């Protein structure tokens, strides 16, 4: 973790920059460690360890601005580094909009880095032996191989088709990131976070030689909350369910998007709400604040300060304090993401630079559901929709940021009377983001607790599919 001496060096950088002619400065010091063990087909394949330490300096001088970074944290070397950095900044063009955020907007409650309870002290006792053992716990390769017939095919209980296991990759990872930020206006903030994650990917082959793969992951800031038992099983299940895809005629269908894939349809909204996109005329949500652009009852909250949950933070990279607030409320756009620079450039009130921990609240056919509502799972949404296509993955495609027109390759399953009938692959959905979201049928309550973005399963009416 960041030491007191390293914090002293970050403050020294600010003092040195002011002493050598800067009008203002900010320093961001980050240390991170990542350790992982990977298994391939039940055998140890790779062990990695990476450690990084760097300091970023944001220097303001004579109405000019520049960013510099180094991993050499030695005071006499930094003195010369900062002198040269300021000389370079003074050669740049003036930009009166470049400045530090107003001091009253910065966070005052991020002193230890552990206020959000995202740091697990057990990482101090971590060992390579323990990480290797946990990666082995993920593997099901030996169990599955012993259950195969003489041709290597496996028959699972129930109606599952026979398949041959081609490969299994399992990875267990532990990481620690510690970030300390200070500026010349007196701001100091720290964010410390651990992560424990498991990942499994299964690749199989059916009796016709067709190959399919499925993956699953789990992640949490607290080791005690990590479940290793089902990771490979769920990855295998996802792969096996893809066997036997059938052609599907193009047309307009109800589309349900699984919570593991739904963020692909949400991210264009946040990009369009970023002030830089609006300033560059590359936003389909330009001039939307205060207007009902989305269906009544639809709400996205930024739950930036949720204790113990990945994605939470008390301040952004500028040091500006976050807050729990609506981004879209009852269909009305409530705010853009406006950093200090874009606020000056566009004459807007500054907010926060970007989304922290977005949460889509439960929604069903025009009526916002109480937060206490339970049971709006993927299965419940499928039953509510009746017939359509369940999308479980996106395969390429893009969204035009200026118009909101999109085209995405998708895969998943056809469903009828609320039940999945067969897999579908190589289909294309096209449309417009605003039209898509105004055809929202449901947003569930099944967002994965381990995800930084709390996006549940979603359902839309009349989506155009091409076979």
Protein backbone atom coordinates (compact mmCIF):
# COMPACT_ATOMS: atom_id res chain seq x y z
CA UNK A 1 0.00 0.00 0.00
CA UNK A 2 1.00 3.64 -0.34
CA UNK A 3 3.42 4.58 2.44
CA UNK A 4 3.61 7.82 4.39
CA UNK A 5 6.87 8.58 2.59
CA UNK A 6 5.17 8.23 -0.80
CA UNK A 7 2.38 10.56 0.35
CA UNK A 8 5.10 13.02 1.37
CA UNK A 9 6.61 12.75 -2.13
CA UNK A 10 3.23 13.49 -3.77
CA UNK A 11 2.90 16.62 -1.63
CA UNK A 12 6.49 17.51 -2.46
CA UNK A 13 5.57 17.44 -6.17
CA UNK A 14 2.84 20.03 -5.58
CA UNK A 15 5.19 22.26 -3.57
CA UNK A 16 7.93 21.92 -6.19
CA UNK A 17 5.57 22.76 -9.05
CA UNK A 18 4.36 25.95 -7.32
CA UNK A 19 7.91 26.91 -6.38
CA UNK A 20 9.05 26.55 -10.00
CA UNK A 21 6.33 28.67 -11.56
CA UNK A 22 3.12 26.65 -11.77
CA UNK A 23 -0.06 28.48 -10.79
CA UNK A 24 -1.78 25.27 -9.66
CA UNK A 25 -1.10 21.53 -9.66
CA UNK A 26 -2.59 18.16 -8.84
CA UNK A 27 -0.79 14.88 -8.15
CA UNK A 28 -2.29 11.39 -8.40
CA UNK A 29 -0.23 8.54 -6.96
CA UNK A 30 -1.29 4.96 -7.65
CA UNK A 31 0.11 1.62 -6.54
CA UNK A 32 -1.32 -1.70 -7.68
CA UNK A 33 -0.52 -5.38 -7.37
CA UNK A 34 -2.14 -8.18 -9.39
CA UNK A 35 -1.51 -11.88 -8.78
CA UNK A 36 -3.16 -14.68 -10.72
CA UNK A 37 -2.95 -18.44 -11.29
CA UNK A 38 -4.32 -20.04 -14.44
CA UNK A 39 -5.20 -23.69 -15.04
CA UNK A 40 -5.52 -25.24 -18.49
CA UNK A 41 -7.23 -28.62 -18.70
CA UNK A 42 -6.68 -29.29 -15.02
CA UNK A 43 -2.97 -28.44 -15.04
CA UNK A 44 -1.15 -25.30 -13.95
CA UNK A 45 -0.58 -23.21 -17.08
CA UNK A 46 0.55 -19.77 -15.96
CA UNK A 47 1.32 -17.79 -12.83
CA UNK A 48 1.58 -14.00 -13.10
CA UNK A 49 2.59 -11.24 -10.73
CA UNK A 50 2.57 -7.58 -11.68
CA UNK A 51 3.26 -4.54 -9.54
CA UNK A 52 2.97 -0.93 -10.64
CA UNK A 53 3.68 2.41 -9.05
CA UNK A 54 3.30 5.73 -10.83
CA UNK A 55 2.55 9.37 -10.18
CA UNK A 56 0.62 11.62 -12.57
CA UNK A 57 1.15 15.37 -12.39
CA UNK A 58 -1.44 17.83 -13.71
CA UNK A 59 0.29 21.19 -14.10
CA UNK A 60 -1.35 24.59 -14.72
CA UNK A 61 0.99 27.46 -15.63
CA UNK A 62 0.41 30.83 -17.32
CA UNK A 63 -3.07 29.79 -18.47
CA UNK A 64 -1.69 26.61 -19.95
CA UNK A 65 -2.00 22.96 -18.95
CA UNK A 66 -0.10 19.68 -19.31
CA UNK A 67 -0.11 16.15 -17.89
CA UNK A 68 3.01 14.17 -17.05
CA UNK A 69 3.78 10.85 -15.38
CA UNK A 70 6.74 8.98 -13.97
CA UNK A 71 7.45 5.96 -11.77
CA UNK A 72 10.68 7.42 -10.35
CA UNK A 73 9.72 8.73 -6.92
CA UNK A 74 13.02 10.28 -5.90
CA UNK A 75 12.85 13.89 -4.72
CA UNK A 76 15.95 15.28 -6.48
CA UNK A 77 14.97 13.56 -9.73
CA UNK A 78 11.39 14.79 -9.44
CA UNK A 79 12.59 18.36 -8.97
CA UNK A 80 14.28 18.29 -12.37
CA UNK A 81 11.37 16.35 -13.93
CA UNK A 82 8.88 19.00 -12.76
CA UNK A 83 11.09 21.87 -13.96
CA UNK A 84 11.19 20.39 -17.46
CA UNK A 85 7.46 19.68 -17.36
CA UNK A 86 6.66 23.32 -16.53
CA UNK A 87 8.94 24.50 -19.33
CA UNK A 88 6.99 22.30 -21.76
CA UNK A 89 3.62 23.51 -20.44
CA UNK A 90 4.62 27.13 -21.01
CA UNK A 91 5.24 26.36 -24.69
CA UNK A 92 1.63 25.23 -25.20
CA UNK A 93 -1.29 27.40 -26.29
CA UNK A 94 -3.32 29.23 -23.66
CA UNK A 95 -6.66 27.78 -22.57
CA UNK A 96 -8.49 29.81 -19.93
CA UNK A 97 -10.88 26.92 -19.23
CA UNK A 98 -8.13 24.75 -17.74
CA UNK A 99 -8.24 25.00 -13.95
CA UNK A 100 -8.68 22.97 -10.79
CA UNK A 101 -12.24 22.38 -9.58
CA UNK A 102 -13.56 24.78 -6.96
CA UNK A 103 -12.34 23.62 -3.57
CA UNK A 104 -15.85 23.39 -2.12
CA UNK A 105 -16.74 20.74 -4.74
CA UNK A 106 -13.97 18.35 -3.70
CA UNK A 107 -14.47 15.44 -1.31
CA UNK A 108 -13.65 16.02 2.34
CA UNK A 109 -14.48 12.51 3.58
CA UNK A 110 -11.91 10.31 1.79
CA UNK A 111 -9.03 10.51 4.24
CA UNK A 112 -8.12 6.86 4.84
CA UNK A 113 -9.22 5.27 1.56
CA UNK A 114 -11.23 2.68 3.46
CA UNK A 115 -14.41 4.62 4.18
CA UNK A 116 -16.36 2.57 1.62
CA UNK A 117 -15.24 -0.77 3.06
CA UNK A 118 -13.70 -1.98 -0.20
CA UNK A 119 -10.42 -3.15 1.30
CA UNK A 120 -10.03 -6.69 2.62
CA UNK A 121 -7.05 -7.04 4.97
CA UNK A 122 -6.84 -10.76 4.29
CA UNK A 123 -4.98 -9.95 1.06
CA UNK A 124 -1.94 -9.30 3.28
CA UNK A 125 -1.85 -13.00 4.14
CA UNK A 126 -2.22 -14.13 0.54
CA UNK A 127 0.29 -16.64 -0.83
CA UNK A 128 1.07 -18.20 -4.19
CA UNK A 129 0.21 -21.60 -2.73
CA UNK A 130 -3.24 -20.39 -1.70
CA UNK A 131 -3.92 -18.81 -5.09
CA UNK A 132 -2.87 -22.00 -6.88
CA UNK A 133 -5.16 -24.08 -4.68
CA UNK A 134 -8.11 -21.76 -5.42
CA UNK A 135 -7.52 -21.98 -9.17
CA UNK A 136 -7.52 -25.77 -8.80
CA UNK A 137 -10.81 -25.59 -6.93
CA UNK A 138 -12.31 -23.96 -10.02
CA UNK A 139 -11.42 -26.84 -12.35
CA UNK A 140 -13.89 -29.58 -13.29
CA UNK A 141 -11.74 -31.02 -16.05
CA UNK A 142 -10.76 -34.23 -14.27
CA UNK A 143 -14.30 -34.98 -13.15
CA UNK A 144 -15.74 -34.47 -16.62
CA UNK A 145 -13.02 -36.42 -18.41
CA UNK A 146 -13.58 -39.50 -16.30
CA UNK A 147 -17.26 -39.46 -17.21
CA UNK A 148 -16.76 -39.61 -20.99
CA UNK A 149 -17.35 -42.60 -23.26
CA UNK A 150 -14.68 -44.29 -25.42
CA UNK A 151 -15.01 -41.56 -28.06
CA UNK A 152 -14.62 -38.85 -25.45
CA UNK A 153 -18.25 -37.73 -25.46
CA UNK A 154 -20.02 -36.79 -22.27
CA UNK A 155 -23.73 -37.16 -21.58
CA UNK A 156 -25.03 -35.00 -18.77
CA UNK A 157 -28.23 -35.86 -16.86
CA UNK A 158 -31.51 -34.83 -18.46
CA UNK A 159 -31.99 -33.92 -22.13
CA UNK A 160 -28.58 -32.31 -22.61
CA UNK A 161 -26.94 -33.30 -25.94
CA UNK A 162 -23.70 -35.27 -25.86
CA UNK A 163 -20.52 -33.24 -26.21
CA UNK A 164 -16.77 -33.59 -26.08
CA UNK A 165 -14.79 -31.27 -23.80
CA UNK A 166 -12.06 -29.56 -25.83
CA UNK A 167 -10.57 -27.25 -23.25
CA UNK A 168 -11.12 -25.71 -19.85
CA UNK A 169 -9.42 -22.51 -18.71
CA UNK A 170 -9.72 -21.39 -15.09
CA UNK A 171 -8.13 -18.33 -13.55
CA UNK A 172 -8.08 -17.04 -9.99
CA UNK A 173 -6.94 -13.43 -9.44
CA UNK A 174 -6.30 -11.16 -6.47
CA UNK A 175 -5.59 -7.46 -6.81
CA UNK A 176 -5.01 -4.39 -4.69
CA UNK A 177 -5.16 -0.79 -5.91
CA UNK A 178 -4.34 2.19 -3.73
CA UNK A 179 -4.79 5.75 -5.06
CA UNK A 180 -3.86 9.01 -3.33
CA UNK A 181 -4.72 12.41 -4.86
CA UNK A 182 -3.76 15.89 -3.64
CA UNK A 183 -3.78 19.37 -5.16
CA UNK A 184 -2.50 22.87 -4.52
CA UNK A 185 -5.86 24.00 -3.09
CA UNK A 186 -5.47 21.65 -0.14
CA UNK A 187 -7.51 18.68 -1.34
CA UNK A 188 -6.41 15.23 -0.21
CA UNK A 189 -8.28 12.04 -1.07
CA UNK A 190 -7.54 8.34 -0.99
CA UNK A 191 -9.27 5.27 -2.41
CA UNK A 192 -8.14 1.72 -1.54
CA UNK A 193 -9.78 -1.35 -3.06
CA UNK A 194 -9.15 -5.07 -3.22
CA UNK A 195 -10.63 -7.52 -5.68
CA UNK A 196 -10.89 -11.31 -5.63
CA UNK A 197 -12.10 -12.86 -8.87
CA UNK A 198 -12.62 -16.21 -10.55
CA UNK A 199 -13.04 -16.91 -14.25
CA UNK A 200 -13.79 -20.11 -16.16
CA UNK A 201 -14.18 -20.75 -19.89
CA UNK A 202 -15.28 -24.07 -21.37
CA UNK A 203 -14.96 -25.01 -25.03
CA UNK A 204 -16.86 -28.08 -26.26
CA UNK A 205 -17.65 -29.92 -29.49
CA UNK A 206 -20.87 -31.67 -30.47
CA UNK A 207 -21.09 -34.92 -32.46
CA UNK A 208 -21.25 -32.95 -35.72
CA UNK A 209 -17.95 -31.22 -35.01
CA UNK A 210 -19.48 -27.82 -34.16
CA UNK A 211 -17.64 -25.95 -31.41
CA UNK A 212 -19.16 -23.82 -28.67
CA UNK A 213 -17.76 -21.95 -25.71
CA UNK A 214 -19.17 -20.49 -22.55
CA UNK A 215 -17.68 -18.47 -19.72
CA UNK A 216 -18.58 -17.33 -16.22
CA UNK A 217 -16.95 -15.02 -13.71
CA UNK A 218 -17.32 -13.99 -10.09
CA UNK A 219 -15.71 -10.98 -8.41
CA UNK A 220 -15.95 -9.20 -5.09
CA UNK A 221 -13.92 -6.80 -2.94
CA UNK A 222 -14.19 -9.26 -0.02
CA UNK A 223 -12.70 -12.75 -0.27
CA UNK A 224 -15.30 -14.24 2.09
CA UNK A 225 -18.02 -13.33 -0.43
CA UNK A 226 -16.40 -15.09 -3.40
CA UNK A 227 -18.08 -18.32 -4.52
CA UNK A 228 -15.73 -20.64 -6.42
CA UNK A 229 -18.01 -23.66 -6.47
CA UNK A 230 -20.24 -22.94 -9.47
CA UNK A 231 -18.00 -20.93 -11.79
CA UNK A 232 -16.91 -23.74 -14.13
CA UNK A 233 -20.30 -25.44 -13.92
CA UNK A 234 -22.07 -22.32 -15.14
CA UNK A 235 -19.51 -21.83 -17.91
CA UNK A 236 -20.09 -25.41 -19.07
CA UNK A 237 -23.85 -24.98 -18.90
CA UNK A 238 -23.66 -21.87 -21.08
CA UNK A 239 -21.60 -23.76 -23.67
CA UNK A 240 -23.83 -26.86 -23.72
CA UNK A 241 -27.02 -24.82 -24.08
CA UNK A 242 -25.74 -23.47 -27.42
CA UNK A 243 -25.70 -26.91 -29.07
CA UNK A 244 -28.15 -27.30 -31.94
CA UNK A 245 -28.92 -23.72 -33.05
CA UNK A 246 -31.74 -23.36 -35.58
CA UNK A 247 -32.34 -20.72 -38.23
CA UNK A 248 -34.72 -17.93 -37.27
CA UNK A 249 -36.57 -15.82 -39.79
CA UNK A 250 -35.87 -12.10 -39.59
CA UNK A 251 -38.57 -9.74 -38.36
CA UNK A 252 -39.68 -7.70 -35.36
CA UNK A 253 -39.64 -9.58 -32.07
CA UNK A 254 -39.79 -8.88 -28.40
CA UNK A 255 -36.19 -8.89 -27.21
CA UNK A 256 -35.08 -9.88 -23.72
CA UNK A 257 -31.43 -9.19 -22.89
CA UNK A 258 -29.75 -11.21 -20.14
CA UNK A 259 -28.24 -9.15 -17.30
CA UNK A 260 -24.76 -10.42 -18.21
CA UNK A 261 -24.99 -8.72 -21.63
CA UNK A 262 -27.37 -5.79 -21.03
CA UNK A 263 -24.67 -3.19 -20.30
CA UNK A 264 -23.91 -3.13 -24.05
CA UNK A 265 -27.21 -1.30 -24.57
CA UNK A 266 -26.69 1.06 -21.62
CA UNK A 267 -23.17 2.34 -22.27
CA UNK A 268 -24.19 4.43 -25.34
CA UNK A 269 -26.51 6.42 -23.05
CA UNK A 270 -23.68 7.40 -20.72
CA UNK A 271 -21.40 8.25 -23.64
CA UNK A 272 -24.12 10.50 -25.07
CA UNK A 273 -24.56 12.23 -21.69
CA UNK A 274 -20.87 13.12 -21.48
CA UNK A 275 -20.26 16.83 -22.01
CA UNK A 276 -17.30 16.19 -24.32
CA UNK A 277 -19.58 14.24 -26.69
CA UNK A 278 -22.12 17.05 -26.63
CA UNK A 279 -19.47 19.73 -27.20
CA UNK A 280 -18.19 17.82 -30.23
CA UNK A 281 -21.73 17.39 -31.64
CA UNK A 282 -21.42 13.64 -31.22
CA UNK A 283 -24.34 13.02 -28.87
CA UNK A 284 -27.88 11.87 -29.62
CA UNK A 285 -28.87 13.26 -26.20
CA UNK A 286 -27.83 16.86 -26.87
CA UNK A 287 -30.22 19.39 -25.27
CA UNK A 288 -31.97 16.67 -23.29
CA UNK A 289 -31.53 17.75 -19.65
CA UNK A 290 -34.89 18.40 -18.05
CA UNK A 291 -36.79 16.65 -20.85
CA UNK A 292 -38.64 13.32 -20.78
CA UNK A 293 -36.66 11.42 -23.41
CA UNK A 294 -37.31 7.95 -21.98
CA UNK A 295 -40.50 6.19 -20.85
CA UNK A 296 -42.29 7.40 -17.74
CA UNK A 297 -41.23 5.33 -14.75
CA UNK A 298 -37.75 4.53 -16.11
CA UNK A 299 -34.93 5.52 -13.70
CA UNK A 300 -31.14 5.12 -13.65
CA UNK A 301 -29.41 6.06 -10.41
CA UNK A 302 -25.71 6.63 -9.85
CA UNK A 303 -25.17 4.88 -6.50
CA UNK A 304 -21.59 6.07 -6.21
CA UNK A 305 -21.39 5.84 -2.41
CA UNK A 306 -22.78 2.36 -1.77
CA UNK A 307 -20.64 0.87 0.98
CA UNK A 308 -18.91 -2.42 0.21
CA UNK A 309 -19.82 -2.60 -3.48
CA UNK A 310 -17.41 -2.55 -6.43
CA UNK A 311 -17.65 0.61 -8.49
CA UNK A 312 -18.29 2.87 -5.51
CA UNK A 313 -16.01 5.88 -4.99
CA UNK A 314 -16.04 9.09 -2.97
CA UNK A 315 -14.34 11.28 -5.60
CA UNK A 316 -13.48 11.31 -9.29
CA UNK A 317 -10.04 11.85 -10.84
CA UNK A 318 -10.34 15.62 -10.27
CA UNK A 319 -11.13 15.08 -6.58
CA UNK A 320 -14.74 16.19 -7.03
CA UNK A 321 -17.05 14.55 -4.49
CA UNK A 322 -19.48 11.99 -5.82
CA UNK A 323 -23.06 11.61 -4.62
CA UNK A 324 -25.94 9.20 -4.97
CA UNK A 325 -28.21 10.84 -7.52
CA UNK A 326 -30.53 10.15 -10.47
CA UNK A 327 -29.09 10.35 -13.97
CA UNK A 328 -32.46 9.61 -15.60
CA UNK A 329 -35.51 9.87 -13.34
CA UNK A 330 -39.04 8.92 -14.35
CA UNK A 331 -37.86 9.14 -17.97
CA UNK A 332 -36.43 12.66 -17.55
CA UNK A 333 -32.73 13.31 -18.14
CA UNK A 334 -31.47 14.94 -14.95
CA UNK A 335 -27.83 15.75 -15.68
CA UNK A 336 -24.84 15.55 -17.98
CA UNK A 337 -21.38 14.39 -16.91
CA UNK A 338 -19.49 17.69 -16.90
CA UNK A 339 -15.93 17.99 -15.63
CA UNK A 340 -14.36 21.32 -14.72
CA UNK A 341 -12.81 21.88 -18.14
CA UNK A 342 -15.97 21.18 -20.14
CA UNK A 343 -18.00 23.33 -17.74
CA UNK A 344 -15.83 26.31 -18.61
CA UNK A 345 -15.78 25.43 -22.28
CA UNK A 346 -19.56 25.11 -22.61
CA UNK A 347 -20.82 27.45 -19.93
CA UNK A 348 -22.48 24.60 -18.02
CA UNK A 349 -22.61 23.87 -14.31
CA UNK A 350 -19.96 21.26 -13.47
CA UNK A 351 -21.17 17.92 -12.10
CA UNK A 352 -19.04 14.76 -12.05
CA UNK A 353 -16.75 13.60 -14.83
CA UNK A 354 -18.48 10.27 -15.50
CA UNK A 355 -20.73 7.55 -14.10
CA UNK A 356 -19.52 5.61 -11.05
CA UNK A 357 -21.96 2.81 -10.20
CA UNK A 358 -25.09 2.99 -12.40
CA UNK A 359 -28.17 1.16 -11.16
CA UNK A 360 -31.31 0.66 -13.27
CA UNK A 361 -34.32 0.51 -11.00
CA UNK A 362 -37.06 -2.11 -11.51
CA UNK A 363 -39.53 -1.22 -14.24
CA UNK A 364 -42.54 -2.95 -15.76
CA UNK A 365 -44.64 -1.60 -18.65
CA UNK A 366 -44.70 2.05 -17.75
CA UNK A 367 -44.83 1.64 -13.97
CA UNK A 368 -41.78 2.00 -11.75
CA UNK A 369 -41.68 -0.84 -9.25
CA UNK A 370 -40.90 -0.24 -5.56
CA UNK A 371 -37.30 -0.96 -4.62
CA UNK A 372 -38.59 -3.66 -2.29
CA UNK A 373 -40.19 -5.52 -5.22
CA UNK A 374 -38.77 -9.01 -5.61
CA UNK A 375 -39.01 -11.73 -8.18
CA UNK A 376 -38.61 -9.83 -11.44
CA UNK A 377 -35.99 -12.29 -12.59
CA UNK A 378 -35.04 -13.27 -16.13
CA UNK A 379 -37.53 -16.13 -15.91
CA UNK A 380 -40.27 -13.76 -14.81
CA UNK A 381 -39.52 -11.36 -17.66
CA UNK A 382 -39.61 -14.21 -20.20
CA UNK A 383 -43.02 -15.28 -18.90
CA UNK A 384 -44.27 -11.71 -19.05
CA UNK A 385 -43.06 -11.28 -22.65
CA UNK A 386 -44.37 -14.63 -23.89
CA UNK A 387 -42.63 -14.98 -27.25
CA UNK A 388 -39.44 -13.47 -28.67
CA UNK A 389 -35.67 -13.76 -28.64
CA UNK A 390 -33.45 -13.87 -25.57
CA UNK A 391 -30.07 -12.23 -26.23
CA UNK A 392 -27.23 -13.62 -24.15
CA UNK A 393 -24.27 -12.16 -26.05
CA UNK A 394 -23.22 -9.46 -28.51
CA UNK A 395 -20.84 -10.18 -31.37
CA UNK A 396 -19.47 -6.92 -32.70
CA UNK A 397 -21.38 -3.99 -34.10
CA UNK A 398 -21.54 -0.35 -33.13
CA UNK A 399 -23.73 2.60 -32.18
CA UNK A 400 -23.49 5.96 -33.96
CA UNK A 401 -22.91 8.44 -31.08
CA UNK A 402 -24.38 11.36 -33.05
CA UNK A 403 -27.66 9.77 -34.12
CA UNK A 404 -28.11 6.81 -31.78
CA UNK A 405 -28.54 4.41 -34.71
CA UNK A 406 -27.10 1.00 -33.87
CA UNK A 407 -26.32 -2.36 -35.41
CA UNK A 408 -25.20 -5.27 -33.22
CA UNK A 409 -24.54 -8.93 -33.89
CA UNK A 410 -26.28 -11.10 -31.28
CA UNK A 411 -26.64 -14.68 -30.13
CA UNK A 412 -29.01 -16.32 -27.71
CA UNK A 413 -32.25 -18.28 -27.73
CA UNK A 414 -35.73 -18.17 -29.14
CA UNK A 415 -38.45 -18.42 -26.49
CA UNK A 416 -42.14 -19.22 -26.71
CA UNK A 417 -44.81 -18.96 -24.02
CA UNK A 418 -42.12 -17.81 -21.62
CA UNK A 419 -39.86 -20.84 -22.13
CA UNK A 420 -36.61 -21.12 -24.06
CA UNK A 421 -37.07 -23.36 -27.12
CA UNK A 422 -33.77 -23.44 -29.04
CA UNK A 423 -30.50 -21.54 -29.58
CA UNK A 424 -30.10 -18.91 -32.30
CA UNK A 425 -26.83 -17.51 -33.68
CA UNK A 426 -25.57 -15.03 -36.24
CA UNK A 427 -28.49 -12.62 -36.03
CA UNK A 428 -28.33 -8.84 -36.28
CA UNK A 429 -30.39 -6.23 -34.44
CA UNK A 430 -30.74 -2.70 -35.82
CA UNK A 431 -32.55 0.40 -34.66
CA UNK A 432 -32.19 3.66 -32.80
CA UNK A 433 -31.28 3.99 -29.12
CA UNK A 434 -34.00 6.45 -28.18
CA UNK A 435 -36.66 4.41 -29.98
CA UNK A 436 -35.35 1.21 -28.41
CA UNK A 437 -35.51 2.55 -24.87
CA UNK A 438 -38.97 4.03 -25.43
CA UNK A 439 -40.09 0.50 -26.26
CA UNK A 440 -38.85 -0.79 -22.90
CA UNK A 441 -41.14 -3.48 -21.48
CA UNK A 442 -39.30 -4.41 -18.31
CA UNK A 443 -36.14 -3.95 -16.24
CA UNK A 444 -35.63 -6.72 -13.71
CA UNK A 445 -34.24 -7.06 -10.23
CA UNK A 446 -31.52 -9.55 -11.14
CA UNK A 447 -28.44 -7.35 -11.65
CA UNK A 448 -25.37 -9.29 -10.54
CA UNK A 449 -24.17 -8.07 -7.16
CA UNK A 450 -20.54 -8.58 -8.23
CA UNK A 451 -20.79 -6.18 -11.18
CA UNK A 452 -19.68 -2.56 -11.02
CA UNK A 453 -22.62 -1.62 -13.25
CA UNK A 454 -25.91 -2.77 -11.74
CA UNK A 455 -27.73 -3.52 -14.98
CA UNK A 456 -30.53 -6.13 -14.75
CA UNK A 457 -32.16 -8.18 -17.50
CA UNK A 458 -34.07 -5.93 -19.90
CA UNK A 459 -36.97 -6.46 -22.31
CA UNK A 460 -37.95 -4.40 -25.36
CA UNK A 461 -40.88 -4.43 -27.77
CA UNK A 462 -40.64 -4.68 -31.56
CA UNK A 463 -36.88 -4.94 -32.11
CA UNK A 464 -35.78 -5.52 -35.71
CA UNK A 465 -33.85 -8.80 -36.14
CA UNK A 466 -32.15 -9.89 -39.34
CA UNK A 467 -31.46 -13.60 -39.79
